[in-house]
N, C-alpha and C. Protein backbone atom coordinates (compact mmCIF):
# COMPACT_ATOMS: atom_id res chain seq x y z
N ILE A 1 103.51 109.32 104.66
CA ILE A 1 103.01 108.84 103.53
C ILE A 1 101.53 108.61 103.42
N GLY A 2 101.09 107.87 104.46
CA GLY A 2 99.71 107.45 104.62
C GLY A 2 98.86 108.47 105.26
N SER A 3 99.25 109.72 105.41
CA SER A 3 98.50 110.70 106.17
C SER A 3 96.98 110.88 105.45
N MET A 4 97.03 110.73 104.16
CA MET A 4 95.69 110.89 103.64
C MET A 4 94.95 109.62 103.42
N ALA A 5 95.50 108.57 103.83
CA ALA A 5 94.72 107.17 103.82
C ALA A 5 93.38 107.26 104.43
N HIS A 6 92.50 106.66 103.95
CA HIS A 6 91.14 106.60 104.51
C HIS A 6 90.55 105.15 104.25
N GLU A 7 90.01 104.66 105.36
CA GLU A 7 89.34 103.35 105.29
C GLU A 7 87.87 103.56 105.08
N CYS A 8 87.37 102.72 104.24
CA CYS A 8 85.91 103.09 103.74
C CYS A 8 85.17 101.59 103.50
N THR A 9 84.02 101.57 103.51
CA THR A 9 83.19 100.47 103.20
C THR A 9 82.29 100.68 102.01
N CYS A 10 81.90 99.74 101.37
CA CYS A 10 80.94 100.01 100.23
C CYS A 10 79.47 99.98 100.70
N ASP A 11 78.64 100.81 99.87
CA ASP A 11 77.38 100.69 100.30
C ASP A 11 76.56 99.59 99.52
N LYS A 12 75.35 99.42 99.69
CA LYS A 12 74.63 98.23 99.20
C LYS A 12 74.80 97.94 97.74
N GLN A 13 75.13 99.08 97.01
CA GLN A 13 75.38 98.95 95.55
C GLN A 13 76.85 98.84 95.10
N GLY A 14 77.78 98.73 96.14
CA GLY A 14 79.17 98.56 96.00
C GLY A 14 79.94 99.67 95.58
N ARG A 15 79.29 101.07 96.03
CA ARG A 15 80.02 102.29 95.76
C ARG A 15 80.73 102.59 97.08
N ILE A 16 81.83 103.43 96.94
CA ILE A 16 82.53 103.89 97.91
C ILE A 16 82.34 105.45 97.96
N SER A 17 82.33 106.03 99.07
CA SER A 17 82.19 107.44 99.15
C SER A 17 83.51 108.08 99.72
N LEU A 18 84.00 109.05 98.96
CA LEU A 18 85.04 109.81 99.21
C LEU A 18 84.73 111.18 99.93
N THR A 19 85.39 111.46 101.02
CA THR A 19 85.16 112.72 101.69
C THR A 19 85.59 113.97 100.81
N PRO A 20 84.92 115.10 100.96
CA PRO A 20 85.27 116.28 100.30
C PRO A 20 86.90 116.62 100.40
N LYS A 21 87.44 116.40 101.53
CA LYS A 21 88.87 116.52 101.80
C LYS A 21 89.72 115.72 100.76
N LEU A 22 89.45 114.45 100.69
CA LEU A 22 89.92 113.49 99.83
C LEU A 22 89.97 114.05 98.42
N LEU A 23 88.66 114.25 98.14
CA LEU A 23 88.50 114.72 96.52
C LEU A 23 89.30 115.89 96.20
N GLU A 24 89.27 116.96 97.02
CA GLU A 24 90.13 118.13 97.00
C GLU A 24 91.66 117.71 96.93
N HIS A 25 92.06 116.87 97.81
CA HIS A 25 93.48 116.40 97.81
C HIS A 25 93.91 115.80 96.56
N ALA A 26 93.08 115.00 95.96
CA ALA A 26 93.36 114.38 94.70
C ALA A 26 93.11 115.09 93.40
N GLY A 27 92.35 116.20 93.69
CA GLY A 27 92.03 117.03 92.47
C GLY A 27 90.97 116.31 91.61
N ILE A 28 90.20 115.68 92.33
CA ILE A 28 88.94 114.88 91.46
C ILE A 28 87.77 115.77 91.60
N SER A 29 87.09 115.93 90.38
CA SER A 29 85.82 116.59 90.27
C SER A 29 84.61 115.67 89.82
N ASP A 30 84.86 115.07 88.55
CA ASP A 30 83.86 114.25 88.06
C ASP A 30 84.32 112.76 87.63
N ARG A 31 85.68 112.60 87.34
CA ARG A 31 86.14 111.42 87.00
C ARG A 31 87.14 110.91 87.87
N ALA A 32 87.50 109.67 87.92
CA ALA A 32 88.56 109.05 88.81
C ALA A 32 89.03 107.91 88.10
N VAL A 33 90.27 107.55 88.49
CA VAL A 33 90.95 106.27 88.08
C VAL A 33 91.20 105.52 89.44
N LEU A 34 90.77 104.28 89.35
CA LEU A 34 90.94 103.41 90.60
C LEU A 34 92.23 102.32 90.19
N LEU A 35 93.09 102.29 91.08
CA LEU A 35 94.21 101.39 90.77
C LEU A 35 94.16 100.30 92.00
N GLY A 36 94.36 99.17 91.81
CA GLY A 36 94.24 98.18 92.77
C GLY A 36 95.60 97.49 92.99
N ALA A 37 95.80 97.22 94.35
CA ALA A 37 97.06 96.63 94.77
C ALA A 37 96.78 95.64 95.85
N VAL A 38 96.31 94.50 95.52
CA VAL A 38 95.93 93.36 96.45
C VAL A 38 94.85 93.73 97.35
N THR A 39 95.17 94.56 98.55
CA THR A 39 94.16 94.78 99.65
C THR A 39 93.80 96.15 99.55
N THR A 40 94.34 96.98 98.70
CA THR A 40 94.09 98.46 98.85
C THR A 40 93.86 99.08 97.48
N ILE A 41 93.20 100.26 97.17
CA ILE A 41 93.03 100.84 96.13
C ILE A 41 93.51 102.20 96.22
N GLN A 42 93.96 102.88 95.15
CA GLN A 42 94.29 104.28 95.12
C GLN A 42 93.28 104.95 94.05
N VAL A 43 92.81 106.15 94.52
CA VAL A 43 92.01 106.88 93.57
C VAL A 43 92.60 108.15 93.06
N TRP A 44 92.87 108.19 91.79
CA TRP A 44 93.59 109.27 91.11
C TRP A 44 92.66 110.12 90.14
N ASN A 45 93.15 111.46 90.03
CA ASN A 45 92.44 112.29 89.02
C ASN A 45 93.16 111.63 87.70
N PRO A 46 92.36 111.45 86.71
CA PRO A 46 92.81 110.61 85.42
C PRO A 46 94.04 111.48 84.70
N GLU A 47 94.01 112.92 84.83
CA GLU A 47 95.17 113.56 84.20
C GLU A 47 96.44 113.35 85.01
N ASP A 48 96.39 113.36 86.27
CA ASP A 48 97.52 113.14 87.14
C ASP A 48 98.14 111.70 86.85
N TRP A 49 97.23 110.71 86.90
CA TRP A 49 97.52 109.36 86.60
C TRP A 49 98.17 109.18 85.29
N ALA A 50 97.76 109.87 84.21
CA ALA A 50 98.37 109.72 82.96
C ALA A 50 99.85 110.33 82.89
N GLN A 51 100.07 111.25 83.68
CA GLN A 51 101.30 111.90 83.83
C GLN A 51 102.37 110.95 84.46
N ARG A 52 101.95 110.17 85.46
CA ARG A 52 102.82 109.28 86.15
C ARG A 52 102.96 107.81 85.61
N GLU A 53 101.86 107.47 84.78
CA GLU A 53 101.83 106.13 84.44
C GLU A 53 103.07 105.78 83.64
N MET A 54 103.70 104.51 83.82
CA MET A 54 104.80 104.03 83.04
C MET A 54 104.16 103.32 81.86
N GLU A 55 104.85 103.43 80.79
CA GLU A 55 104.18 102.72 79.66
C GLU A 55 104.41 101.29 79.88
N SER A 56 103.47 100.48 79.41
CA SER A 56 103.53 99.02 79.55
C SER A 56 104.80 98.32 79.08
N GLU A 57 105.31 98.85 77.94
CA GLU A 57 106.48 98.31 77.46
C GLU A 57 107.69 98.48 78.32
N ALA A 58 107.87 99.68 78.81
CA ALA A 58 108.91 100.16 79.59
C ALA A 58 108.76 99.24 81.07
N GLY A 59 107.66 99.02 81.60
CA GLY A 59 107.48 98.35 82.79
C GLY A 59 107.81 96.78 82.56
N LEU A 60 107.42 96.24 81.40
CA LEU A 60 107.84 94.80 81.08
C LEU A 60 109.44 94.75 80.87
N ASP A 61 110.03 95.84 80.29
CA ASP A 61 111.56 95.80 80.28
C ASP A 61 112.17 95.78 81.49
N VAL A 62 111.60 96.67 82.51
CA VAL A 62 112.18 96.72 83.89
C VAL A 62 112.12 95.31 84.45
N ILE A 63 111.07 94.72 84.48
CA ILE A 63 110.78 93.34 85.02
C ILE A 63 111.78 92.33 84.56
N GLN A 64 111.91 92.36 83.11
CA GLN A 64 112.78 91.40 82.55
C GLN A 64 114.23 91.74 82.93
N ALA A 65 114.58 92.86 83.08
CA ALA A 65 115.94 93.22 83.50
C ALA A 65 116.21 92.86 84.85
N ILE A 66 115.23 92.94 85.72
CA ILE A 66 115.48 92.57 87.13
C ILE A 66 115.75 91.02 87.14
N GLN A 67 114.82 90.28 86.33
CA GLN A 67 115.02 88.90 86.45
C GLN A 67 116.33 88.41 86.02
N GLU A 68 116.91 89.06 84.97
CA GLU A 68 118.07 88.78 84.36
C GLU A 68 119.36 89.27 85.08
N ARG A 69 119.22 90.29 85.76
CA ARG A 69 120.43 90.91 86.51
C ARG A 69 119.95 91.34 87.84
N GLY A 70 119.59 90.73 88.83
CA GLY A 70 119.02 91.06 89.93
C GLY A 70 119.94 91.80 90.76
N ASP A 71 121.36 91.62 90.48
CA ASP A 71 122.45 92.08 91.44
C ASP A 71 122.47 93.65 90.97
N ASP A 72 121.96 94.13 89.77
CA ASP A 72 122.09 95.51 89.51
C ASP A 72 120.66 96.16 89.64
N LEU A 73 119.87 95.68 90.59
CA LEU A 73 118.61 96.23 90.78
C LEU A 73 118.42 97.81 90.95
N THR A 74 119.36 98.37 91.70
CA THR A 74 119.34 99.78 91.81
C THR A 74 119.70 100.66 90.55
N ASP A 75 120.46 100.13 89.84
CA ASP A 75 120.81 100.77 88.36
C ASP A 75 119.65 100.67 87.52
N ILE A 76 118.88 99.35 87.55
CA ILE A 76 117.82 99.26 86.59
C ILE A 76 116.62 100.22 86.97
N LEU A 77 116.31 100.28 88.27
CA LEU A 77 115.36 101.19 88.71
C LEU A 77 115.55 102.57 88.49
N ASN A 78 116.78 103.07 88.67
CA ASN A 78 117.18 104.32 88.31
C ASN A 78 116.96 104.61 86.91
N ARG A 79 117.40 103.82 86.04
CA ARG A 79 117.08 103.94 84.52
C ARG A 79 115.68 104.19 84.24
N ALA A 80 114.86 103.29 84.92
CA ALA A 80 113.44 103.25 84.53
C ALA A 80 112.76 104.59 84.99
N VAL A 81 113.31 105.06 86.00
CA VAL A 81 112.56 106.43 86.51
C VAL A 81 113.08 107.47 85.72
N GLN A 82 114.19 107.49 85.08
CA GLN A 82 114.67 108.43 84.23
C GLN A 82 113.91 108.53 82.89
N THR A 83 113.46 107.50 82.37
CA THR A 83 112.75 107.46 81.07
C THR A 83 111.49 107.98 81.12
């Protein structure tokens, strides 16, 4: 899963540099979407991200359902993936 992971540092202006191999793998040419997850970020092609992005309302519904019925977590997640 993490075979394409890459550790990088920011330059003096706070920019990161992606290798040509990573840009090609992600299908990025001129625009990118950055997604943060505490200590990591993911860099996506905007069109690819739009296809995978879960609608905000659907995500909130899943969180609420998990809180209300934690014992049915597998069923809840399966329904969320199918929508």
